[in-house]
Amino acid sequence: MLFDRETQNIFIKEIEKYVENNGGTYIDATLIVCEGYELDPSAAAKYLTKPIIEKIEEEGIDINILPRNNTTKLPV
């Protein structure tokens, strides 16, 4: 499935809206929105914006599914 720019923006807003309204993680929100679009999550990666990708990476590091960087993170 290919998204045009407008559909991509709606897709991103749905992910952000889900996190805002339901809490949870961007990982979960992305998976749930992908189900709604009947889109494989690996294919959805190219439609995500850089800020969402960074949030997903941070969540992945926090729950130990992605390796930590060598930089230190303050516990804030």
Protein backbone atom coordinates (compact mmCIF):
# COMPACT_ATOMS: atom_id res chain seq x y z
CA MET A 1 0.00 0.00 0.00
CA LEU A 2 1.36 3.39 -0.95
CA PHE A 3 0.46 6.53 0.95
CA ASP A 4 0.17 9.94 -0.58
CA ARG A 5 1.38 12.89 1.51
CA GLU A 6 -2.09 13.60 2.96
CA THR A 7 -2.65 9.98 4.01
CA GLN A 8 0.84 9.87 5.54
CA ASN A 9 0.02 12.96 7.62
CA ILE A 10 -3.24 11.37 8.79
CA PHE A 11 -1.37 8.15 9.65
CA ILE A 12 1.15 10.08 11.78
CA LYS A 13 -1.57 12.12 13.50
CA GLU A 14 -3.49 8.96 14.35
CA ILE A 15 -0.38 7.54 16.06
CA GLU A 16 0.15 10.75 18.05
CA LYS A 17 -3.55 10.99 18.89
CA TYR A 18 -3.60 7.39 20.13
CA VAL A 19 -0.66 8.01 22.48
CA GLU A 20 -2.19 11.26 23.70
CA ASN A 21 -5.65 9.80 24.34
CA ASN A 22 -4.79 6.29 25.52
CA GLY A 23 -1.31 6.62 26.93
CA GLY A 24 1.00 3.73 26.21
CA THR A 25 3.96 3.73 23.93
CA TYR A 26 4.58 4.85 20.38
CA ILE A 27 5.47 1.25 19.60
CA ASP A 28 2.00 0.07 20.64
CA ALA A 29 0.28 3.00 18.96
CA THR A 30 2.10 2.35 15.69
CA LEU A 31 1.16 -1.33 15.74
CA ILE A 32 -2.49 -0.56 16.46
CA VAL A 33 -2.74 2.08 13.74
CA CYS A 34 -1.00 -0.28 11.30
CA GLU A 35 -3.69 -2.87 12.03
CA GLY A 36 -6.34 -0.29 11.17
CA TYR A 37 -4.68 0.39 7.82
CA GLU A 38 -3.97 -3.32 7.27
CA LEU A 39 -0.34 -2.34 6.85
CA ASP A 40 2.65 -4.45 7.82
CA PRO A 41 4.64 -2.58 10.51
CA SER A 42 7.89 -3.10 8.64
CA ALA A 43 6.36 -1.39 5.60
CA ALA A 44 5.01 1.43 7.77
CA ALA A 45 8.51 2.44 8.86
CA LYS A 46 9.08 4.47 5.71
CA TYR A 47 5.98 6.57 6.47
CA LEU A 48 7.02 7.52 10.01
CA THR A 49 8.50 10.93 10.74
CA LYS A 50 11.91 11.36 12.33
CA PRO A 51 10.48 12.45 15.73
CA ILE A 52 8.29 9.34 15.94
CA ILE A 53 11.17 7.09 14.89
CA GLU A 54 13.33 8.65 17.61
CA LYS A 55 10.59 8.08 20.22
CA ILE A 56 10.20 4.45 19.13
CA GLU A 57 13.98 3.95 19.32
CA GLU A 58 14.07 5.48 22.79
CA GLU A 59 11.25 3.21 23.95
CA GLY A 60 13.03 0.21 22.44
CA ILE A 61 16.19 1.08 24.35
CA ASP A 62 14.25 1.61 27.58
CA ILE A 63 12.62 -1.83 27.36
CA ASN A 64 15.87 -3.51 26.22
CA ILE A 65 14.81 -4.56 22.73
CA LEU A 66 17.37 -2.23 21.15
CA PRO A 67 21.00 -1.87 22.23
CA ARG A 68 21.97 1.15 24.28
CA ASN A 69 24.18 3.82 22.76
CA ASN A 70 27.55 4.58 24.32
CA THR A 71 26.26 7.98 25.40
CA THR A 72 24.94 8.28 28.91
CA LYS A 73 21.38 9.32 29.61
CA LEU A 74 20.47 11.21 32.71
CA PRO A 75 17.66 9.58 34.70
CA VAL A 76 15.16 12.40 34.31
